[in-house]
Amino acid sequence: MNDLIKNFNDKADKTIALLREDLNTVRAGRANPAILDKVSADYYGTMTPLKSLANISVPDPRTLMISPFDVTCISAVEKAINEANLGLNPSNDGKVIRLSIPQLTEERRKELTKTTKKMSEDAKVAVRNLRRDANDAAKKMEKDGDITEDDLKKGLDRIQKTTDDIIKRIDEIIANKDKEILEV
């Protein structure tokens, strides 16, 4: 039963890590290199992540500077940024690409909070699915005679308590991100 709960916790932690990773790609009005994490450019016929093609730096709070390691791929990087629909316009001086992060409008901030709420709901659904799988496995263990009925009840209670804690953590993460987004 302990292995089952440990496995449940590990998978739930991975879900939270994935949520944090996804939230990093949501633009919050400040320059953050993580918004380019999911952008890939066509580099000699292979889709390559931007961070493998270039050095991404933050020279000031409203600017990202992308310095490709190979200057010949600058147009491919610029095209990939445009196609990523980030709402950013790259400016290219032949050696580096600069992305100016515009100030977010109130309307855009509200849209972004809706996006984070959806990400939160997806994470919660994933956790609930993990809970269901863990509960089913525990019930099967009891049916097979591996654990007693009392152990099953205690295990189901631990799984539910863990689920509640994880959902509370997800809510806290989303609240912090929403606060960051709505901050002017």
N, C-alpha and C. Protein backbone atom coordinates (compact mmCIF):
# COMPACT_ATOMS: atom_id res chain seq x y z
N MET A 1 0.82 -1.19 0.00
CA MET A 1 0.00 0.00 0.00
C MET A 1 0.87 1.26 0.00
N ASN A 2 1.98 1.22 0.76
CA ASN A 2 2.89 2.37 0.80
C ASN A 2 3.50 2.65 -0.57
N ASP A 3 3.82 1.57 -1.31
CA ASP A 3 4.37 1.75 -2.67
C ASP A 3 3.34 2.43 -3.57
N LEU A 4 2.08 2.03 -3.41
CA LEU A 4 1.00 2.60 -4.21
C LEU A 4 0.88 4.11 -3.94
N ILE A 5 0.91 4.48 -2.68
CA ILE A 5 0.79 5.90 -2.31
C ILE A 5 2.03 6.68 -2.75
N LYS A 6 3.21 6.07 -2.62
CA LYS A 6 4.44 6.73 -3.06
C LYS A 6 4.39 6.96 -4.57
N ASN A 7 3.92 5.98 -5.31
CA ASN A 7 3.79 6.11 -6.77
C ASN A 7 2.80 7.23 -7.12
N PHE A 8 1.69 7.28 -6.38
CA PHE A 8 0.69 8.33 -6.58
C PHE A 8 1.31 9.70 -6.34
N ASN A 9 2.07 9.84 -5.24
CA ASN A 9 2.73 11.12 -4.93
C ASN A 9 3.73 11.52 -6.01
N ASP A 10 4.52 10.55 -6.50
CA ASP A 10 5.50 10.85 -7.55
C ASP A 10 4.82 11.37 -8.80
N LYS A 11 3.74 10.71 -9.22
CA LYS A 11 3.03 11.13 -10.42
C LYS A 11 2.38 12.50 -10.22
N ALA A 12 1.85 12.75 -9.03
CA ALA A 12 1.24 14.05 -8.74
C ALA A 12 2.30 15.16 -8.76
N ASP A 13 3.48 14.87 -8.23
CA ASP A 13 4.57 15.85 -8.27
C ASP A 13 4.97 16.18 -9.70
N LYS A 14 4.96 15.16 -10.56
CA LYS A 14 5.27 15.39 -11.98
C LYS A 14 4.20 16.27 -12.62
N THR A 15 2.95 16.07 -12.23
CA THR A 15 1.85 16.89 -12.75
C THR A 15 2.06 18.35 -12.35
N ILE A 16 2.44 18.58 -11.11
CA ILE A 16 2.68 19.95 -10.64
C ILE A 16 3.89 20.56 -11.35
N ALA A 17 4.93 19.77 -11.57
CA ALA A 17 6.10 20.27 -12.29
C ALA A 17 5.73 20.67 -13.71
N LEU A 18 4.89 19.87 -14.34
CA LEU A 18 4.44 20.17 -15.70
C LEU A 18 3.59 21.45 -15.71
N LEU A 19 2.76 21.62 -14.71
CA LEU A 19 1.95 22.84 -14.60
C LEU A 19 2.86 24.06 -14.47
N ARG A 20 3.86 23.97 -13.60
CA ARG A 20 4.80 25.10 -13.43
C ARG A 20 5.51 25.42 -14.74
N GLU A 21 5.91 24.37 -15.47
CA GLU A 21 6.58 24.55 -16.75
C GLU A 21 5.66 25.25 -17.75
N ASP A 22 4.40 24.82 -17.80
CA ASP A 22 3.43 25.44 -18.70
C ASP A 22 3.17 26.89 -18.30
N LEU A 23 3.11 27.17 -17.01
CA LEU A 23 2.86 28.53 -16.55
C LEU A 23 4.02 29.47 -16.89
N ASN A 24 5.24 28.92 -16.98
CA ASN A 24 6.39 29.75 -17.35
C ASN A 24 6.25 30.31 -18.76
N THR A 25 5.51 29.62 -19.60
CA THR A 25 5.36 30.08 -20.97
C THR A 25 4.28 31.16 -21.10
N VAL A 26 3.54 31.43 -20.02
CA VAL A 26 2.52 32.48 -20.05
C VAL A 26 3.22 33.81 -19.77
N ARG A 27 3.07 34.74 -20.70
CA ARG A 27 3.74 36.04 -20.60
C ARG A 27 3.06 36.89 -19.55
N ALA A 28 3.82 37.43 -18.63
CA ALA A 28 3.24 38.21 -17.54
C ALA A 28 3.66 39.68 -17.58
N GLY A 29 4.04 40.19 -18.74
CA GLY A 29 4.39 41.60 -18.85
C GLY A 29 5.86 41.89 -18.61
N ARG A 30 6.61 40.91 -18.12
CA ARG A 30 8.05 41.08 -17.93
C ARG A 30 8.77 40.15 -18.90
N ALA A 31 9.97 40.54 -19.26
CA ALA A 31 10.77 39.69 -20.14
C ALA A 31 11.20 38.45 -19.37
N ASN A 32 10.85 37.29 -19.90
CA ASN A 32 11.19 36.02 -19.26
C ASN A 32 11.57 35.04 -20.37
N PRO A 33 12.81 34.57 -20.40
CA PRO A 33 13.23 33.66 -21.46
C PRO A 33 12.39 32.39 -21.56
N ALA A 34 11.69 32.02 -20.48
CA ALA A 34 10.88 30.80 -20.48
C ALA A 34 9.72 30.87 -21.47
N ILE A 35 9.31 32.08 -21.90
CA ILE A 35 8.20 32.15 -22.86
C ILE A 35 8.61 31.58 -24.21
N LEU A 36 9.92 31.41 -24.43
CA LEU A 36 10.41 30.86 -25.70
C LEU A 36 10.73 29.36 -25.59
N ASP A 37 10.47 28.75 -24.43
CA ASP A 37 10.82 27.34 -24.22
C ASP A 37 10.16 26.39 -25.22
N LYS A 38 8.94 26.69 -25.63
CA LYS A 38 8.22 25.78 -26.52
C LYS A 38 8.36 26.15 -28.00
N VAL A 39 9.23 27.13 -28.29
CA VAL A 39 9.43 27.56 -29.67
C VAL A 39 10.57 26.76 -30.29
N SER A 40 10.30 26.20 -31.47
CA SER A 40 11.32 25.45 -32.21
C SER A 40 11.47 26.04 -33.60
N ALA A 41 12.71 26.08 -34.09
CA ALA A 41 12.98 26.62 -35.42
C ALA A 41 13.49 25.51 -36.33
N ASP A 42 13.26 25.68 -37.61
CA ASP A 42 13.74 24.73 -38.61
C ASP A 42 15.22 25.01 -38.86
N TYR A 43 16.07 24.14 -38.37
CA TYR A 43 17.52 24.32 -38.52
C TYR A 43 18.06 23.18 -39.37
N TYR A 44 18.36 23.46 -40.61
CA TYR A 44 18.82 22.46 -41.58
C TYR A 44 17.90 21.26 -41.64
N GLY A 45 16.58 21.52 -41.70
CA GLY A 45 15.59 20.47 -41.87
C GLY A 45 15.15 19.78 -40.59
N THR A 46 15.67 20.20 -39.46
CA THR A 46 15.30 19.60 -38.18
C THR A 46 14.70 20.66 -37.28
N MET A 47 13.55 20.34 -36.67
CA MET A 47 12.95 21.27 -35.71
C MET A 47 13.78 21.23 -34.43
N THR A 48 14.38 22.36 -34.10
CA THR A 48 15.30 22.44 -32.98
C THR A 48 14.81 23.49 -31.99
N PRO A 49 14.79 23.17 -30.69
CA PRO A 49 14.37 24.18 -29.71
C PRO A 49 15.24 25.43 -29.78
N LEU A 50 14.61 26.57 -29.57
CA LEU A 50 15.32 27.85 -29.67
C LEU A 50 16.50 27.92 -28.72
N LYS A 51 16.34 27.38 -27.50
CA LYS A 51 17.44 27.48 -26.54
C LYS A 51 18.65 26.64 -26.94
N SER A 52 18.47 25.73 -27.92
CA SER A 52 19.61 24.96 -28.44
C SER A 52 20.29 25.70 -29.60
N LEU A 53 19.60 26.67 -30.17
CA LEU A 53 20.13 27.41 -31.31
C LEU A 53 20.74 28.75 -30.94
N ALA A 54 20.34 29.28 -29.77
CA ALA A 54 20.75 30.64 -29.46
C ALA A 54 20.86 30.86 -27.96
N ASN A 55 21.58 31.90 -27.63
CA ASN A 55 21.67 32.36 -26.25
C ASN A 55 20.55 33.38 -26.06
N ILE A 56 19.72 33.18 -25.04
CA ILE A 56 18.60 34.08 -24.79
C ILE A 56 18.91 34.84 -23.50
N SER A 57 18.95 36.17 -23.60
CA SER A 57 19.27 36.98 -22.43
C SER A 57 18.21 38.06 -22.22
N VAL A 58 18.24 38.69 -21.06
CA VAL A 58 17.29 39.74 -20.70
C VAL A 58 18.09 41.00 -20.37
N PRO A 59 18.36 41.84 -21.39
CA PRO A 59 19.16 43.05 -21.14
C PRO A 59 18.42 44.08 -20.28
N ASP A 60 17.10 44.14 -20.37
CA ASP A 60 16.31 45.02 -19.51
C ASP A 60 14.95 44.36 -19.28
N PRO A 61 14.15 44.87 -18.33
CA PRO A 61 12.90 44.18 -17.95
C PRO A 61 11.87 44.01 -19.07
N ARG A 62 11.99 44.75 -20.16
CA ARG A 62 11.01 44.67 -21.23
C ARG A 62 11.58 44.13 -22.55
N THR A 63 12.79 43.58 -22.52
CA THR A 63 13.42 43.12 -23.76
C THR A 63 14.07 41.76 -23.59
N LEU A 64 13.86 40.91 -24.59
CA LEU A 64 14.59 39.64 -24.68
C LEU A 64 15.55 39.78 -25.85
N MET A 65 16.78 39.32 -25.68
CA MET A 65 17.75 39.36 -26.76
C MET A 65 18.16 37.93 -27.10
N ILE A 66 18.00 37.57 -28.36
CA ILE A 66 18.31 36.22 -28.82
C ILE A 66 19.53 36.31 -29.73
N SER A 67 20.62 35.68 -29.31
CA SER A 67 21.86 35.69 -30.08
C SER A 67 22.12 34.29 -30.62
N PRO A 68 21.77 34.03 -31.89
CA PRO A 68 21.99 32.69 -32.45
C PRO A 68 23.47 32.33 -32.46
N PHE A 69 23.78 31.08 -32.18
CA PHE A 69 25.16 30.61 -32.22
C PHE A 69 25.66 30.61 -33.67
N ASP A 70 24.77 30.30 -34.60
CA ASP A 70 25.07 30.29 -36.02
C ASP A 70 24.23 31.42 -36.66
N VAL A 71 24.88 32.50 -37.08
CA VAL A 71 24.18 33.68 -37.59
C VAL A 71 23.35 33.36 -38.84
N THR A 72 23.69 32.28 -39.55
CA THR A 72 22.94 31.94 -40.77
C THR A 72 21.51 31.50 -40.46
N CYS A 73 21.23 31.12 -39.23
CA CYS A 73 19.89 30.64 -38.90
C CYS A 73 19.00 31.74 -38.32
N ILE A 74 19.46 32.98 -38.37
CA ILE A 74 18.70 34.08 -37.75
C ILE A 74 17.31 34.24 -38.35
N SER A 75 17.19 34.05 -39.66
CA SER A 75 15.86 34.20 -40.29
C SER A 75 14.93 33.06 -39.88
N ALA A 76 15.47 31.86 -39.72
CA ALA A 76 14.65 30.72 -39.28
C ALA A 76 14.16 30.94 -37.85
N VAL A 77 15.01 31.51 -37.01
CA VAL A 77 14.62 31.79 -35.62
C VAL A 77 13.53 32.85 -35.60
N GLU A 78 13.72 33.89 -36.41
CA GLU A 78 12.73 34.97 -36.48
C GLU A 78 11.38 34.44 -36.98
N LYS A 79 11.42 33.58 -37.98
CA LYS A 79 10.19 32.98 -38.53
C LYS A 79 9.50 32.12 -37.46
N ALA A 80 10.28 31.34 -36.71
CA ALA A 80 9.71 30.48 -35.67
C ALA A 80 9.02 31.30 -34.58
N ILE A 81 9.61 32.44 -34.22
CA ILE A 81 9.01 33.30 -33.20
C ILE A 81 7.69 33.87 -33.72
N ASN A 82 7.67 34.29 -34.98
CA ASN A 82 6.44 34.82 -35.57
C ASN A 82 5.35 33.75 -35.62
N GLU A 83 5.72 32.52 -35.97
CA GLU A 83 4.74 31.44 -36.10
C GLU A 83 4.25 30.92 -34.74
N ALA A 84 4.97 31.24 -33.67
CA ALA A 84 4.59 30.75 -32.34
C ALA A 84 3.41 31.52 -31.75
N ASN A 85 2.98 32.58 -32.41
CA ASN A 85 1.83 33.38 -31.95
C ASN A 85 1.98 33.83 -30.50
N LEU A 86 3.13 34.41 -30.20
CA LEU A 86 3.37 34.90 -28.84
C LEU A 86 2.90 36.34 -28.68
N GLY A 87 2.52 36.96 -29.79
CA GLY A 87 2.12 38.36 -29.73
C GLY A 87 3.31 39.29 -29.64
N LEU A 88 4.47 38.80 -30.10
CA LEU A 88 5.70 39.59 -30.06
C LEU A 88 6.24 39.76 -31.47
N ASN A 89 6.79 40.95 -31.76
CA ASN A 89 7.38 41.20 -33.07
C ASN A 89 8.89 41.26 -32.95
N PRO A 90 9.57 40.28 -33.55
CA PRO A 90 11.04 40.28 -33.47
C PRO A 90 11.65 41.36 -34.36
N SER A 91 12.70 41.99 -33.89
CA SER A 91 13.45 42.92 -34.74
C SER A 91 14.87 42.39 -34.83
N ASN A 92 15.37 42.34 -36.03
CA ASN A 92 16.61 41.64 -36.34
C ASN A 92 17.61 42.67 -36.88
N ASP A 93 18.82 42.69 -36.29
CA ASP A 93 19.85 43.61 -36.79
C ASP A 93 20.97 42.86 -37.51
N GLY A 94 20.72 41.61 -37.87
CA GLY A 94 21.72 40.82 -38.60
C GLY A 94 22.54 39.92 -37.70
N LYS A 95 22.67 40.26 -36.44
CA LYS A 95 23.45 39.44 -35.51
C LYS A 95 22.59 38.93 -34.36
N VAL A 96 21.69 39.77 -33.87
CA VAL A 96 20.82 39.38 -32.77
C VAL A 96 19.37 39.75 -33.10
N ILE A 97 18.46 39.07 -32.39
CA ILE A 97 17.03 39.38 -32.53
C ILE A 97 16.60 39.95 -31.18
N ARG A 98 15.89 41.06 -31.24
CA ARG A 98 15.36 41.66 -30.02
C ARG A 98 13.84 41.52 -30.02
N LEU A 99 13.32 41.13 -28.87
CA LEU A 99 11.87 41.05 -28.68
C LEU A 99 11.49 42.06 -27.60
N SER A 100 10.69 43.04 -27.98
CA SER A 100 10.20 44.00 -26.99
C SER A 100 8.90 43.45 -26.42
N ILE A 101 8.85 43.35 -25.12
CA ILE A 101 7.66 42.84 -24.44
C ILE A 101 6.76 44.05 -24.16
N PRO A 102 5.62 44.14 -24.85
CA PRO A 102 4.76 45.30 -24.62
C PRO A 102 4.05 45.21 -23.28
N GLN A 103 3.66 46.37 -22.77
CA GLN A 103 2.88 46.42 -21.54
C GLN A 103 1.55 45.72 -21.81
N LEU A 104 1.11 44.87 -20.90
CA LEU A 104 -0.14 44.15 -21.09
C LEU A 104 -1.33 45.06 -20.84
N THR A 105 -2.35 44.94 -21.70
CA THR A 105 -3.59 45.69 -21.47
C THR A 105 -4.42 44.93 -20.43
N GLU A 106 -5.38 45.62 -19.85
CA GLU A 106 -6.25 45.00 -18.85
C GLU A 106 -6.97 43.80 -19.45
N GLU A 107 -7.43 43.96 -20.70
CA GLU A 107 -8.15 42.88 -21.39
C GLU A 107 -7.25 41.65 -21.58
N ARG A 108 -6.00 41.90 -21.99
CA ARG A 108 -5.05 40.81 -22.21
C ARG A 108 -4.72 40.12 -20.88
N ARG A 109 -4.62 40.87 -19.82
CA ARG A 109 -4.34 40.29 -18.50
C ARG A 109 -5.47 39.33 -18.11
N LYS A 110 -6.70 39.75 -18.35
CA LYS A 110 -7.84 38.90 -18.01
C LYS A 110 -7.85 37.63 -18.86
N GLU A 111 -7.48 37.76 -20.15
CA GLU A 111 -7.38 36.58 -21.02
C GLU A 111 -6.33 35.61 -20.48
N LEU A 112 -5.20 36.16 -20.05
CA LEU A 112 -4.13 35.30 -19.53
C LEU A 112 -4.55 34.60 -18.25
N THR A 113 -5.33 35.27 -17.39
CA THR A 113 -5.79 34.59 -16.17
C THR A 113 -6.76 33.47 -16.52
N LYS A 114 -7.55 33.66 -17.58
CA LYS A 114 -8.43 32.58 -18.03
C LYS A 114 -7.60 31.39 -18.50
N THR A 115 -6.50 31.67 -19.19
CA THR A 115 -5.61 30.61 -19.66
C THR A 115 -5.01 29.86 -18.47
N THR A 116 -4.59 30.60 -17.45
CA THR A 116 -4.01 29.92 -16.28
C THR A 116 -5.06 29.09 -15.55
N LYS A 117 -6.30 29.59 -15.50
CA LYS A 117 -7.38 28.82 -14.86
C LYS A 117 -7.60 27.50 -15.60
N LYS A 118 -7.54 27.55 -16.94
CA LYS A 118 -7.71 26.33 -17.73
C LYS A 118 -6.56 25.35 -17.45
N MET A 119 -5.34 25.88 -17.38
CA MET A 119 -4.19 25.02 -17.06
C MET A 119 -4.37 24.39 -15.68
N SER A 120 -4.89 25.18 -14.74
CA SER A 120 -5.14 24.69 -13.39
C SER A 120 -6.17 23.56 -13.42
N GLU A 121 -7.24 23.76 -14.16
CA GLU A 121 -8.29 22.73 -14.25
C GLU A 121 -7.73 21.45 -14.87
N ASP A 122 -6.90 21.59 -15.91
CA ASP A 122 -6.30 20.41 -16.55
C ASP A 122 -5.43 19.65 -15.55
N ALA A 123 -4.66 20.38 -14.75
CA ALA A 123 -3.81 19.73 -13.74
C ALA A 123 -4.65 19.02 -12.69
N LYS A 124 -5.73 19.67 -12.27
CA LYS A 124 -6.61 19.06 -11.26
C LYS A 124 -7.27 17.79 -11.80
N VAL A 125 -7.68 17.82 -13.07
CA VAL A 125 -8.27 16.63 -13.69
C VAL A 125 -7.25 15.50 -13.71
N ALA A 126 -6.00 15.84 -14.05
CA ALA A 126 -4.94 14.82 -14.08
C ALA A 126 -4.75 14.21 -12.69
N VAL A 127 -4.75 15.05 -11.66
CA VAL A 127 -4.58 14.56 -10.28
C VAL A 127 -5.76 13.67 -9.88
N ARG A 128 -6.96 14.09 -10.27
CA ARG A 128 -8.14 13.27 -9.93
C ARG A 128 -8.10 11.93 -10.64
N ASN A 129 -7.58 11.93 -11.87
CA ASN A 129 -7.44 10.65 -12.59
C ASN A 129 -6.42 9.76 -11.89
N LEU A 130 -5.34 10.37 -11.40
CA LEU A 130 -4.34 9.60 -10.65
C LEU A 130 -4.96 9.03 -9.38
N ARG A 131 -5.80 9.83 -8.71
CA ARG A 131 -6.48 9.36 -7.50
C ARG A 131 -7.37 8.17 -7.82
N ARG A 132 -8.12 8.27 -8.90
CA ARG A 132 -9.02 7.18 -9.29
C ARG A 132 -8.22 5.90 -9.55
N ASP A 133 -7.11 6.04 -10.28
CA ASP A 133 -6.27 4.87 -10.57
C ASP A 133 -5.71 4.25 -9.29
N ALA A 134 -5.26 5.12 -8.36
CA ALA A 134 -4.71 4.62 -7.10
C ALA A 134 -5.80 3.92 -6.27
N ASN A 135 -6.99 4.53 -6.25
CA ASN A 135 -8.10 3.90 -5.51
C ASN A 135 -8.46 2.55 -6.11
N ASP A 136 -8.51 2.47 -7.43
CA ASP A 136 -8.83 1.20 -8.09
C ASP A 136 -7.78 0.14 -7.77
N ALA A 137 -6.51 0.55 -7.79
CA ALA A 137 -5.44 -0.40 -7.49
C ALA A 137 -5.54 -0.88 -6.04
N ALA A 138 -5.87 0.03 -5.12
CA ALA A 138 -6.01 -0.34 -3.70
C ALA A 138 -7.17 -1.32 -3.52
N LYS A 139 -8.29 -1.05 -4.20
CA LYS A 139 -9.45 -1.94 -4.09
C LYS A 139 -9.13 -3.32 -4.66
N LYS A 140 -8.34 -3.33 -5.74
CA LYS A 140 -7.95 -4.61 -6.33
C LYS A 140 -7.04 -5.38 -5.36
N MET A 141 -6.16 -4.66 -4.67
CA MET A 141 -5.29 -5.31 -3.69
C MET A 141 -6.12 -5.94 -2.58
N GLU A 142 -7.16 -5.24 -2.14
CA GLU A 142 -8.02 -5.76 -1.07
C GLU A 142 -8.80 -6.97 -1.57
N LYS A 143 -9.27 -6.89 -2.81
CA LYS A 143 -10.04 -7.99 -3.41
C LYS A 143 -9.17 -9.24 -3.55
N ASP A 144 -7.89 -9.02 -3.92
CA ASP A 144 -6.96 -10.14 -4.09
C ASP A 144 -6.47 -10.70 -2.75
N GLY A 145 -6.81 -10.02 -1.66
CA GLY A 145 -6.40 -10.49 -0.35
C GLY A 145 -5.02 -10.02 0.08
N ASP A 146 -4.43 -9.06 -0.65
CA ASP A 146 -3.10 -8.56 -0.30
C ASP A 146 -3.14 -7.63 0.92
N ILE A 147 -4.28 -6.93 1.11
CA ILE A 147 -4.43 -6.04 2.25
C ILE A 147 -5.80 -6.27 2.89
N THR A 148 -5.94 -5.82 4.13
CA THR A 148 -7.22 -6.00 4.83
C THR A 148 -8.15 -4.84 4.49
N GLU A 149 -9.40 -4.99 4.91
CA GLU A 149 -10.40 -3.95 4.66
C GLU A 149 -10.03 -2.66 5.42
N ASP A 150 -9.49 -2.81 6.63
CA ASP A 150 -9.06 -1.64 7.40
C ASP A 150 -7.91 -0.91 6.70
N ASP A 151 -6.95 -1.70 6.17
CA ASP A 151 -5.84 -1.10 5.43
C ASP A 151 -6.34 -0.36 4.19
N LEU A 152 -7.33 -0.94 3.54
CA LEU A 152 -7.93 -0.30 2.36
C LEU A 152 -8.52 1.05 2.75
N LYS A 153 -9.29 1.07 3.83
CA LYS A 153 -9.94 2.32 4.28
C LYS A 153 -8.88 3.37 4.61
N LYS A 154 -7.84 2.98 5.35
CA LYS A 154 -6.76 3.92 5.70
C LYS A 154 -6.05 4.42 4.44
N GLY A 155 -5.80 3.50 3.52
CA GLY A 155 -5.13 3.87 2.27
C GLY A 155 -5.95 4.84 1.44
N LEU A 156 -7.26 4.57 1.32
CA LEU A 156 -8.14 5.47 0.56
C LEU A 156 -8.18 6.85 1.22
N ASP A 157 -8.19 6.88 2.55
CA ASP A 157 -8.18 8.16 3.26
C ASP A 157 -6.89 8.93 3.00
N ARG A 158 -5.75 8.22 3.02
CA ARG A 158 -4.45 8.87 2.75
C ARG A 158 -4.41 9.40 1.32
N ILE A 159 -4.92 8.61 0.39
CA ILE A 159 -4.94 9.05 -1.02
C ILE A 159 -5.80 10.31 -1.16
N GLN A 160 -6.96 10.34 -0.51
CA GLN A 160 -7.85 11.50 -0.59
C GLN A 160 -7.20 12.73 0.05
N LYS A 161 -6.54 12.54 1.20
CA LYS A 161 -5.89 13.66 1.88
C LYS A 161 -4.77 14.21 1.01
N THR A 162 -4.00 13.33 0.40
CA THR A 162 -2.92 13.75 -0.49
C THR A 162 -3.48 14.51 -1.69
N THR A 163 -4.59 13.99 -2.24
CA THR A 163 -5.23 14.66 -3.38
C THR A 163 -5.66 16.08 -2.99
N ASP A 164 -6.27 16.22 -1.82
CA ASP A 164 -6.71 17.53 -1.36
C ASP A 164 -5.52 18.49 -1.21
N ASP A 165 -4.42 17.97 -0.65
CA ASP A 165 -3.21 18.80 -0.48
C ASP A 165 -2.66 19.25 -1.83
N ILE A 166 -2.63 18.34 -2.78
CA ILE A 166 -2.09 18.66 -4.10
C ILE A 166 -2.96 19.69 -4.81
N ILE A 167 -4.27 19.55 -4.70
CA ILE A 167 -5.18 20.50 -5.34
C ILE A 167 -5.02 21.87 -4.68
N LYS A 168 -4.79 21.90 -3.37
CA LYS A 168 -4.55 23.17 -2.68
C LYS A 168 -3.25 23.80 -3.20
N ARG A 169 -2.20 22.99 -3.41
CA ARG A 169 -0.94 23.50 -3.97
C ARG A 169 -1.15 24.07 -5.36
N ILE A 170 -1.94 23.38 -6.18
CA ILE A 170 -2.22 23.86 -7.53
C ILE A 170 -2.92 25.22 -7.45
N ASP A 171 -3.90 25.34 -6.56
CA ASP A 171 -4.62 26.61 -6.40
C ASP A 171 -3.66 27.74 -5.97
N GLU A 172 -2.72 27.43 -5.07
CA GLU A 172 -1.75 28.44 -4.63
C GLU A 172 -0.84 28.87 -5.78
N ILE A 173 -0.38 27.90 -6.56
CA ILE A 173 0.49 28.21 -7.70
C ILE A 173 -0.24 29.13 -8.68
N ILE A 174 -1.50 28.80 -8.97
CA ILE A 174 -2.29 29.60 -9.92
C ILE A 174 -2.57 30.98 -9.34
N ALA A 175 -2.87 31.06 -8.05
CA ALA A 175 -3.13 32.37 -7.43
C ALA A 175 -1.89 33.26 -7.53
N ASN A 176 -0.71 32.69 -7.30
CA ASN A 176 0.53 33.47 -7.42
C ASN A 176 0.76 33.94 -8.85
N LYS A 177 0.51 33.06 -9.81
CA LYS A 177 0.70 33.44 -11.22
C LYS A 177 -0.31 34.51 -11.62
N ASP A 178 -1.56 34.37 -11.19
CA ASP A 178 -2.58 35.38 -11.52
C ASP A 178 -2.21 36.73 -10.91
N LYS A 179 -1.69 36.70 -9.68
CA LYS A 179 -1.27 37.94 -9.03
C LYS A 179 -0.14 38.59 -9.84
N GLU A 180 0.79 37.77 -10.32
CA GLU A 180 1.90 38.26 -11.14
C GLU A 180 1.39 38.86 -12.45
N ILE A 181 0.40 38.21 -13.06
CA ILE A 181 -0.16 38.68 -14.33
C ILE A 181 -0.92 40.00 -14.14
N LEU A 182 -1.70 40.09 -13.07
CA LEU A 182 -2.56 41.26 -12.87
C LEU A 182 -1.79 42.45 -12.30
N GLU A 183 -0.55 42.22 -11.86
CA GLU A 183 0.30 43.28 -11.32
C GLU A 183 0.66 44.25 -12.44
N VAL A 184 0.43 45.55 -12.20
CA VAL A 184 0.69 46.54 -13.26
C VAL A 184 2.07 47.11 -13.10
